[in-house]
Protein backbone atom coordinates (compact mmCIF):
# COMPACT_ATOMS: atom_id res chain seq x y z
CA MET A 1 -3.93 19.22 9.59
CA ASN A 2 -7.61 19.37 8.71
CA ILE A 3 -9.23 16.92 6.32
CA VAL A 4 -11.78 18.54 4.00
CA LEU A 5 -14.14 16.16 2.23
CA ILE A 6 -15.47 17.42 -1.09
CA GLY A 7 -17.78 15.79 -3.58
CA MET A 8 -21.36 15.56 -4.76
CA ARG A 9 -24.40 14.83 -2.61
CA GLY A 10 -24.49 11.05 -2.27
CA SER A 11 -20.71 10.69 -2.22
CA GLY A 12 -20.79 9.81 1.48
CA LYS A 13 -19.09 12.87 2.96
CA THR A 14 -21.11 12.90 6.19
CA THR A 15 -20.97 9.17 6.94
CA VAL A 16 -17.31 8.85 5.98
CA GLY A 17 -16.45 12.06 7.80
CA LYS A 18 -17.85 10.85 11.11
CA LEU A 19 -15.96 7.56 10.84
CA LEU A 20 -12.74 9.31 9.83
CA ALA A 21 -12.97 11.85 12.64
CA GLU A 22 -13.30 9.06 15.18
CA LYS A 23 -10.43 7.16 13.62
CA LEU A 24 -8.07 10.15 13.59
CA GLY A 25 -9.18 11.67 16.88
CA LYS A 26 -10.47 14.83 15.18
CA LYS A 27 -13.66 16.87 15.56
CA PHE A 28 -16.31 16.34 12.87
CA ILE A 29 -18.16 19.28 11.37
CA GLU A 30 -20.71 19.45 8.58
CA MET A 31 -20.83 22.79 6.80
CA ASP A 32 -24.41 22.56 5.51
CA GLU A 33 -25.58 21.98 9.10
CA LEU A 34 -23.60 25.02 10.29
CA ILE A 35 -25.15 27.14 7.54
CA ALA A 36 -28.65 26.02 8.51
CA GLN A 37 -27.95 26.89 12.15
CA ARG A 38 -26.59 30.31 11.22
CA VAL A 39 -29.47 31.29 8.90
CA GLY A 40 -32.14 29.56 10.96
CA HIS A 41 -33.53 27.48 8.08
CA GLY A 42 -32.71 24.27 6.26
CA ILE A 43 -31.16 24.48 2.81
CA PRO A 44 -34.46 24.02 0.90
CA GLU A 45 -36.05 26.87 2.90
CA ILE A 46 -32.98 29.11 2.48
CA VAL A 47 -33.02 28.65 -1.30
CA ALA A 48 -36.81 28.96 -1.57
CA GLN A 49 -36.89 32.16 0.47
CA TYR A 50 -33.63 33.86 -0.48
CA GLY A 51 -32.25 32.01 -3.52
CA TRP A 52 -28.95 30.21 -4.13
CA GLY A 53 -27.04 33.51 -3.94
CA LYS A 54 -27.91 33.95 -0.26
CA PHE A 55 -26.93 30.36 0.43
CA ARG A 56 -23.53 30.80 -1.29
CA GLU A 57 -22.88 33.95 0.72
CA ALA A 58 -23.63 32.14 3.97
CA GLU A 59 -21.49 29.22 2.79
CA ALA A 60 -18.54 31.55 2.10
CA GLU A 61 -18.88 33.11 5.56
CA ILE A 62 -18.96 29.70 7.27
CA THR A 63 -16.04 28.54 5.10
CA ARG A 64 -13.85 31.39 6.35
CA GLU A 65 -14.69 30.56 9.96
CA VAL A 66 -14.23 26.80 9.59
CA ALA A 67 -10.90 27.31 7.79
CA GLU A 68 -9.52 28.84 11.01
CA LEU A 69 -10.21 25.69 13.04
CA ASP A 70 -7.59 23.06 13.79
CA ASN A 71 -7.75 19.25 13.77
CA VAL A 72 -11.17 18.82 12.17
CA VAL A 73 -12.76 16.63 9.53
CA ASN A 74 -14.96 18.92 7.46
CA ALA A 75 -17.80 17.50 5.34
CA THR A 76 -18.48 20.33 2.90
CA GLY A 77 -21.42 21.05 0.67
CA GLY A 78 -21.05 19.85 -2.88
CA GLY A 79 -20.78 23.35 -4.33
CA VAL A 80 -18.30 24.90 -1.93
CA VAL A 81 -15.54 24.40 -4.51
CA THR A 82 -17.29 26.56 -7.12
CA ARG A 83 -15.84 29.65 -5.46
CA GLU A 84 -12.06 29.92 -5.71
CA GLU A 85 -11.87 31.91 -2.47
CA ASN A 86 -13.51 29.01 -0.60
CA VAL A 87 -10.92 26.58 -1.91
CA ARG A 88 -8.07 28.91 -0.94
CA GLU A 89 -9.44 29.27 2.59
CA LEU A 90 -9.94 25.53 3.09
CA LYS A 91 -6.46 24.71 1.81
CA ARG A 92 -4.70 27.01 4.28
CA LYS A 93 -4.90 24.44 7.07
CA GLY A 94 -6.41 21.47 5.28
CA LYS A 95 -6.08 18.84 2.59
CA LEU A 96 -8.99 18.41 0.19
CA VAL A 97 -10.13 14.83 -0.41
CA TRP A 98 -12.57 14.25 -3.28
CA LEU A 99 -14.95 11.35 -2.68
CA LYS A 100 -15.57 10.34 -6.25
CA ALA A 101 -18.55 8.34 -7.54
CA ASP A 102 -20.26 8.03 -10.92
CA ILE A 103 -23.77 9.35 -11.52
CA ASP A 104 -25.52 5.98 -11.25
CA THR A 105 -23.96 5.39 -7.85
CA LEU A 106 -24.87 8.90 -6.66
CA LEU A 107 -28.48 8.51 -7.76
CA ARG A 108 -28.72 5.11 -6.09
CA ARG A 109 -27.40 6.53 -2.83
CA ILE A 110 -29.66 9.57 -2.94
CA GLY A 111 -32.68 7.37 -3.64
CA ASP A 112 -36.07 9.07 -3.50
CA ASN A 113 -34.81 12.00 -1.41
CA GLN A 114 -35.80 15.02 -3.50
CA SER A 115 -35.61 17.57 -0.71
CA ARG A 116 -32.57 19.35 -2.13
CA PRO A 117 -33.55 22.20 -4.49
CA SER A 118 -32.44 21.99 -8.10
CA LEU A 119 -29.38 23.90 -9.25
CA THR A 120 -30.24 23.68 -12.95
CA GLY A 121 -34.03 23.72 -13.05
CA LYS A 122 -34.04 20.20 -14.46
CA PRO A 123 -36.02 17.28 -12.95
CA PRO A 124 -34.54 15.64 -9.81
CA GLN A 125 -33.21 12.64 -11.74
CA GLU A 126 -31.47 14.84 -14.32
CA ASP A 127 -30.15 17.68 -12.18
CA PRO A 128 -27.31 15.70 -10.47
CA ALA A 129 -25.90 14.51 -13.80
CA VAL A 130 -25.63 18.05 -15.16
CA VAL A 131 -24.11 19.36 -11.92
CA LEU A 132 -21.61 16.46 -11.75
CA ALA A 133 -20.45 17.16 -15.28
CA GLU A 134 -19.91 20.84 -14.44
CA ARG A 135 -18.14 20.22 -11.14
CA THR A 136 -15.94 17.25 -12.02
CA PRO A 137 -13.15 19.41 -13.54
CA ILE A 138 -13.26 21.63 -10.44
CA TYR A 139 -13.02 18.65 -8.07
CA GLN A 140 -10.13 17.28 -10.12
CA ARG A 141 -8.28 20.59 -10.05
CA CYS A 142 -8.58 21.40 -6.36
CA ALA A 143 -8.40 17.93 -4.75
CA ASP A 144 -5.17 16.93 -3.01
CA VAL A 145 -6.32 13.31 -3.07
CA THR A 146 -9.07 11.48 -4.93
CA ILE A 147 -10.69 8.43 -3.37
CA ASP A 148 -12.90 6.37 -5.66
CA THR A 149 -15.85 5.28 -3.49
CA GLU A 150 -17.29 2.84 -6.01
CA ASP A 151 -17.84 -0.59 -4.45
CA LYS A 152 -16.38 0.56 -1.13
CA SER A 153 -18.15 0.76 2.21
CA PRO A 154 -17.92 4.00 4.22
CA GLU A 155 -15.56 2.17 6.62
CA GLU A 156 -13.25 1.22 3.73
CA VAL A 157 -13.25 4.78 2.39
CA ALA A 158 -12.45 6.21 5.84
CA GLU A 159 -9.62 3.71 6.28
CA ALA A 160 -8.22 4.60 2.85
CA ILE A 161 -8.14 8.30 3.75
CA ALA A 162 -6.55 7.52 7.13
CA ARG A 163 -3.77 5.60 5.39
CA VAL A 164 -3.12 8.47 2.99
CA TYR A 165 -3.09 10.83 5.98
CA SER A 166 -0.43 8.72 7.67
CA GLU A 167 1.69 7.91 4.63
CA ARG A 168 1.84 11.47 3.30
CA GLY A 169 2.73 12.95 6.67
CA TRP A 170 -0.36 15.16 6.99
CA ALA A 171 -0.15 15.19 10.77
CA MET A 172 0.89 18.66 11.88
CA ILE A 173 4.63 18.92 12.59
CA SER A 174 5.77 21.60 15.02
CA ALA A 175 8.73 22.56 17.19
CA GLU A 176 7.16 20.40 19.91
CA THR A 177 7.13 17.27 17.73
CA LYS A 178 9.33 14.47 19.06
CA VAL A 179 11.43 12.81 16.37
CA CYS A 180 12.19 9.09 16.18
CA CYS A 181 14.05 7.38 13.38
CA LEU A 182 15.51 4.29 11.76
CA ILE A 183 19.23 4.14 11.00
CA GLY A 184 20.94 1.55 8.82
CA ASP A 185 22.12 0.83 5.31
CA PRO A 186 19.99 0.30 3.30
CA VAL A 187 16.75 1.80 4.67
CA GLU A 188 15.05 3.13 1.52
CA HIS A 189 12.45 0.39 1.48
CA SER A 190 11.77 0.13 5.20
CA LEU A 191 8.19 -0.09 6.44
CA SER A 192 9.17 1.12 9.90
CA PRO A 193 8.05 4.71 9.22
CA LEU A 194 4.66 3.45 8.06
CA ILE A 195 3.80 1.47 11.18
CA HIS A 196 5.34 3.79 13.78
CA ASN A 197 3.62 6.83 12.27
CA ARG A 198 0.36 4.89 12.08
CA GLY A 199 0.66 4.21 15.80
CA TYR A 200 1.28 7.89 16.57
CA GLU A 201 -1.71 8.83 14.45
CA VAL A 202 -4.07 6.38 16.15
CA LEU A 203 -3.10 7.63 19.62
CA GLY A 204 -2.89 11.29 18.61
CA LEU A 205 0.75 11.61 19.69
CA ASN A 206 2.92 14.52 18.55
CA PHE A 207 5.67 12.23 17.25
CA VAL A 208 7.12 11.61 13.80
CA TYR A 209 9.29 8.73 12.57
CA VAL A 210 11.72 8.96 9.65
CA ALA A 211 14.49 6.81 8.14
CA PHE A 212 18.16 7.75 7.63
CA THR A 213 20.78 5.94 5.60
CA VAL A 214 23.81 5.73 7.92
CA LYS A 215 27.28 4.57 6.99
CA ASP A 216 29.25 6.11 9.90
CA ILE A 217 27.55 4.90 13.08
CA LYS A 218 29.69 7.00 15.40
CA LEU A 219 28.76 10.26 13.66
CA ALA A 220 25.09 9.19 13.55
CA ILE A 221 24.94 8.59 17.29
CA GLU A 222 26.64 11.92 17.97
CA GLY A 223 23.88 13.49 15.87
CA ILE A 224 21.16 11.61 17.78
CA ARG A 225 22.51 12.94 21.04
CA GLY A 226 23.04 16.47 19.73
CA LEU A 227 19.68 16.81 17.98
CA GLY A 228 17.68 15.32 20.83
CA ILE A 229 16.16 12.56 18.72
CA ARG A 230 13.91 10.68 21.12
CA GLY A 231 14.13 7.12 19.88
CA VAL A 232 16.10 5.16 17.30
CA SER A 233 15.59 1.81 15.60
CA ILE A 234 18.82 0.22 14.38
CA THR A 235 19.01 -2.18 11.46
CA MET A 236 21.82 -3.79 9.49
CA PRO A 237 24.77 -3.38 9.67
CA HIS A 238 24.96 -1.39 12.93
CA LYS A 239 23.31 -3.56 15.61
CA ILE A 240 26.63 -4.62 17.14
CA SER A 241 28.91 -1.68 16.30
CA ALA A 242 26.51 0.87 17.81
CA MET A 243 26.93 -0.57 21.30
CA GLN A 244 30.32 1.05 21.97
CA TYR A 245 28.82 4.54 21.68
CA ILE A 246 25.85 4.03 24.05
CA ASP A 247 25.83 5.19 27.69
CA ASP A 248 23.76 2.36 29.17
CA ILE A 249 23.01 -1.11 27.77
CA ASP A 250 20.06 -3.19 28.94
CA GLU A 251 21.13 -6.45 30.56
CA THR A 252 19.48 -8.64 27.93
CA ALA A 253 20.95 -6.59 25.09
CA ARG A 254 24.38 -6.82 26.69
CA GLU A 255 24.07 -10.59 26.93
CA ILE A 256 22.96 -10.79 23.31
CA GLY A 257 25.79 -8.50 22.26
CA ALA A 258 23.65 -6.39 19.93
CA ILE A 259 21.12 -3.57 20.16
CA ASN A 260 18.34 -2.58 17.80
CA THR A 261 16.89 0.26 19.88
CA ILE A 262 18.17 3.49 21.43
CA VAL A 263 16.17 5.67 23.81
CA ASN A 264 17.41 9.21 24.41
CA ASN A 265 16.62 10.63 27.85
CA GLY A 266 18.03 14.14 27.96
CA GLY A 267 21.20 13.19 26.14
CA VAL A 268 21.71 9.89 27.98
CA LEU A 269 21.44 7.06 25.43
CA SER A 270 20.16 3.64 26.54
CA GLY A 271 20.37 0.58 24.30
CA PHE A 272 17.88 -2.31 24.10
CA ASN A 273 17.27 -5.38 21.98
CA THR A 274 13.61 -5.94 21.08
CA ASP A 275 14.40 -8.61 18.44
CA HIS A 276 14.85 -11.17 21.21
CA THR A 277 11.37 -10.80 22.75
CA ALA A 278 9.65 -10.29 19.39
CA ALA A 279 11.08 -13.47 17.87
CA LEU A 280 10.06 -15.57 20.85
CA LYS A 281 6.54 -14.11 20.78
CA ALA A 282 6.17 -14.91 17.07
CA LEU A 283 7.48 -18.46 17.56
CA GLU A 284 5.45 -19.29 20.65
CA GLU A 285 2.23 -18.26 18.93
CA LYS A 286 2.73 -21.32 16.70
CA THR A 287 4.82 -23.84 18.63
CA SER A 288 6.32 -24.70 21.99
CA LEU A 289 10.10 -24.41 22.22
CA LYS A 290 11.21 -26.53 25.17
CA GLY A 291 12.99 -29.66 23.98
CA LYS A 292 12.40 -28.87 20.30
CA ARG A 293 15.16 -29.38 17.72
CA ALA A 294 15.77 -26.02 16.04
CA VAL A 295 17.99 -25.10 13.11
CA LEU A 296 18.94 -21.44 12.85
CA LEU A 297 20.37 -20.06 9.60
CA GLY A 298 22.58 -16.99 10.03
CA ALA A 299 25.04 -15.59 12.53
CA GLY A 300 24.36 -11.84 12.54
CA GLY A 301 22.74 -9.60 15.16
CA SER A 302 19.21 -10.93 14.71
CA ALA A 303 20.42 -14.53 14.73
CA LEU A 304 22.29 -13.88 17.95
CA ALA A 305 19.16 -12.54 19.66
CA ILE A 306 17.02 -15.44 18.44
CA ALA A 307 19.64 -18.03 19.39
CA LEU A 308 19.85 -16.75 22.95
CA GLY A 309 16.06 -16.80 23.25
CA LEU A 310 15.85 -20.37 21.97
CA LYS A 311 18.45 -21.57 24.46
CA ARG A 312 16.69 -19.77 27.30
CA LYS A 313 13.59 -21.75 26.33
CA ASP A 314 15.58 -25.01 26.46
CA ALA A 315 15.46 -25.73 22.73
CA HIS A 316 18.16 -27.96 21.15
CA LEU A 317 19.87 -25.63 18.71
CA VAL A 318 22.07 -26.02 15.63
CA ILE A 319 23.37 -22.83 13.99
CA LEU A 320 24.42 -22.86 10.34
CA ASN A 321 25.95 -20.04 8.33
CA ARG A 322 27.67 -19.46 5.01
CA THR A 323 30.81 -18.68 7.03
CA ALA A 324 31.06 -21.74 9.26
CA ASP A 325 33.45 -20.15 11.76
CA LYS A 326 30.88 -17.45 12.57
CA ALA A 327 28.22 -20.09 13.19
CA ARG A 328 30.54 -22.05 15.47
CA ALA A 329 31.48 -18.90 17.38
CA LEU A 330 27.83 -18.01 17.89
CA ALA A 331 27.02 -21.56 18.94
CA GLN A 332 29.74 -21.38 21.56
CA THR A 333 28.50 -17.98 22.78
CA VAL A 334 24.94 -19.20 23.42
CA ASN A 335 25.89 -22.78 24.33
CA ALA A 336 24.11 -24.27 21.31
CA GLU A 337 24.47 -27.97 20.53
CA ASP A 338 26.33 -27.42 17.25
CA GLY A 339 27.37 -24.87 14.65
CA GLY A 340 28.77 -25.14 11.16
CA GLY A 341 28.46 -24.38 7.46
CA LEU A 342 25.67 -24.81 4.96
CA ASP A 343 27.04 -28.21 4.02
CA GLN A 344 25.18 -29.46 7.14
CA LEU A 345 21.72 -28.42 5.94
CA SER A 346 20.61 -32.05 5.96
CA VAL A 347 19.92 -31.69 9.73
CA ILE A 348 16.74 -29.84 8.74
CA ALA A 349 15.20 -33.18 7.76
CA SER A 350 15.06 -34.21 11.42
CA ALA A 351 14.36 -30.76 12.92
CA ASP A 352 11.16 -29.43 14.48
CA ILE A 353 11.85 -25.74 13.83
CA LEU A 354 13.69 -23.94 11.03
CA ILE A 355 14.50 -20.23 11.28
CA ASN A 356 16.00 -18.21 8.45
CA ALA A 357 17.81 -15.21 9.97
CA THR A 358 19.81 -14.41 6.82
CA ALA A 359 18.93 -11.81 4.18
CA VAL A 360 18.46 -14.52 1.53
CA GLY A 361 14.91 -14.27 0.18
CA MET A 362 14.47 -10.63 1.16
CA TRP A 363 13.80 -8.02 -1.52
CA PRO A 364 15.41 -7.79 -4.05
CA ARG A 365 16.66 -11.41 -3.71
CA THR A 366 13.11 -12.76 -3.72
CA SER A 367 13.80 -15.74 -5.97
CA GLU A 368 16.48 -17.16 -3.67
CA THR A 369 16.43 -19.62 -0.79
CA ILE A 370 19.12 -21.41 1.17
CA VAL A 371 16.99 -24.45 1.95
CA PRO A 372 16.53 -27.24 -0.62
CA ARG A 373 12.85 -28.02 -0.89
CA GLU A 374 13.38 -31.73 -0.33
CA LEU A 375 14.56 -31.05 3.23
CA LEU A 376 11.20 -29.51 4.21
CA HIS A 377 8.61 -31.79 5.82
CA PRO A 378 5.12 -31.37 7.34
CA ARG A 379 6.36 -31.74 10.95
CA LEU A 380 8.49 -28.60 10.53
CA THR A 381 7.63 -25.10 11.72
CA VAL A 382 9.32 -22.62 9.36
CA PHE A 383 10.02 -19.04 10.43
CA ASP A 384 11.57 -16.64 7.90
CA ILE A 385 12.37 -13.34 9.61
CA ASN A 386 12.43 -11.53 6.26
CA TYR A 387 9.14 -9.68 5.83
CA HIS A 388 9.46 -8.15 2.37
CA PRO A 389 8.06 -9.81 0.45
CA LYS A 390 5.51 -11.26 2.85
CA GLU A 391 5.64 -14.56 0.96
CA THR A 392 9.32 -15.34 0.58
CA ARG A 393 10.28 -18.34 -1.53
CA LEU A 394 11.07 -20.30 1.64
CA ILE A 395 7.63 -19.54 3.11
CA THR A 396 5.89 -20.42 -0.16
CA GLU A 397 7.68 -23.78 -0.46
CA ALA A 398 7.12 -24.52 3.23
CA LYS A 399 3.37 -23.95 2.85
CA GLN A 400 3.28 -26.16 -0.23
CA THR A 401 5.03 -28.90 1.75
CA GLY A 402 2.53 -28.67 4.62
CA CYS A 403 4.80 -26.97 7.15
CA THR A 404 3.51 -24.60 9.78
CA VAL A 405 4.77 -21.16 8.78
CA ILE A 406 5.52 -17.96 10.67
CA TYR A 407 5.68 -14.80 8.61
CA GLY A 408 8.64 -12.50 9.18
CA TYR A 409 6.38 -9.48 9.52
CA LYS A 410 5.22 -10.82 12.90
CA MET A 411 8.67 -10.43 14.43
CA PHE A 412 9.06 -7.06 12.72
CA LEU A 413 5.71 -5.89 14.08
CA TYR A 414 6.34 -7.07 17.62
CA GLN A 415 9.82 -5.56 17.89
CA ALA A 416 8.45 -2.27 16.56
CA ALA A 417 5.61 -2.33 19.09
CA ILE A 418 8.08 -2.73 21.96
CA GLN A 419 10.15 0.13 20.54
CA PHE A 420 7.01 2.25 20.24
CA GLU A 421 6.32 1.79 23.94
CA LEU A 422 9.91 2.59 24.90
CA PHE A 423 9.85 5.77 22.78
CA THR A 424 6.41 7.09 23.76
CA GLY A 425 5.46 5.53 27.09
CA HIS A 426 2.16 4.42 25.52
CA GLN A 427 0.97 0.93 24.67
CA ALA A 428 1.25 0.39 20.95
CA PRO A 429 -2.05 0.11 18.99
CA LEU A 430 -0.96 -3.27 17.65
CA ALA A 431 -4.04 -4.11 15.58
CA GLU A 432 -3.94 -0.85 13.63
CA MET A 433 -0.18 -1.07 13.11
CA GLU A 434 -0.52 -4.65 11.86
CA THR A 435 -3.30 -3.68 9.44
CA ALA A 436 -1.15 -0.90 7.97
CA LEU A 437 1.80 -3.26 7.65
CA THR A 438 -0.01 -6.18 6.02
CA ARG A 439 -1.82 -3.94 3.56
CA ALA A 440 1.48 -2.44 2.48
CA LEU A 441 3.08 -5.86 2.13
CA GLU A 442 0.15 -7.14 0.12
CA GLY A 443 0.45 -4.28 -2.36
CA ASP A 444 -2.58 -2.29 -1.30
CA GLU A 445 -3.37 0.48 -3.78
CA TYR A 446 -2.82 3.14 -1.13
CA ALA A 447 0.52 1.79 0.13
CA THR A 448 3.57 3.73 -0.95
CA SER A 449 6.01 1.54 -2.82
CA ALA A 450 8.86 3.72 -1.59
CA ASP A 451 8.24 2.54 1.97
CA ARG A 452 9.29 -1.07 1.52
CA ARG A 453 12.32 -2.93 2.75
């Protein structure tokens, strides 16, 4: 899918276009430059010698040729949109992005450059205002996306367009596109599609990632095998039940007793657990684990993976859960020191590490927490694996108490990066994926609210 930048002179089309082309791995073209090459003169000379009519004819010819190209970022001339046939041509393979700026900003950016011939016959400082007023309704009508460039650097504008490109699925989908997906219930608010698709975009991979609400895991896995879906992320409540339908289970995942990843190699399905490695990576960025006293809240699939990792690192572990029997069973499975119900939360007061692996505090239960604030203390490292919202109530109260905190999005990011590499065979572009994720979690204006978990 081509990106076509439209807007007035001074809107930043050339500078932004070059940055965006590099970011998206596309070729950059500038239509005014192509016109000058074709005619053999710069725009002022073309207009002086032949008039604006000749220039518009050359522009229409170049527009038809450029519209046939694939995978380009096209910085157009400001008036290309004044001809409906130009807009139709550019939209056949492209999305039009209007770089919007008010007249004062445009004049400031243009500065003393008066080389461009007047369209209205008015003085150089008046001509742009008249032209902007005439063209604004046209820009509004034909633009697929409007990006306000006021108070934004070219880098920020390029990044905003790149996010829209990723979030709206503007990458070209074909019969060769490999499909990956998330399955679970619920999945409507998952950010997995955002970060996986951002990774594909950065590396220029012909992959797409979507989310499916799944209630019948057996039927879903039959569909994965039958449709040739390349890779699958598994979330609640299927991490354990999916295992019985998989051909080959990774040794670590088998020991954990849960999978969160399926890789499809020609109809042979292999199961993995990336939660385990991701949780340890997030924890060990902030604290050592050997000999530390850890309290783990929860007894589901994620808790199981984290518990096994903690014991492998020689931590002293207590597992607590609303259903005490489940906590005790998990404690026995991983050889933890103790397990029980939430009536034993007082052990947090003497712990070094607290991990919340329950759904309490996750959207939409954002006002809830299991942990009484008085049990938190500055010596405690608090890790809440819930990542939406970024600042759960537990994390907020832990920060206020002086605890070291670990955001849940870190584990989410790291497990997704490992999945990305299993699905594609390429190293995940972690920095770009993290930027997309944190901006979405922080309510960036270009993040889609529908892509939250």
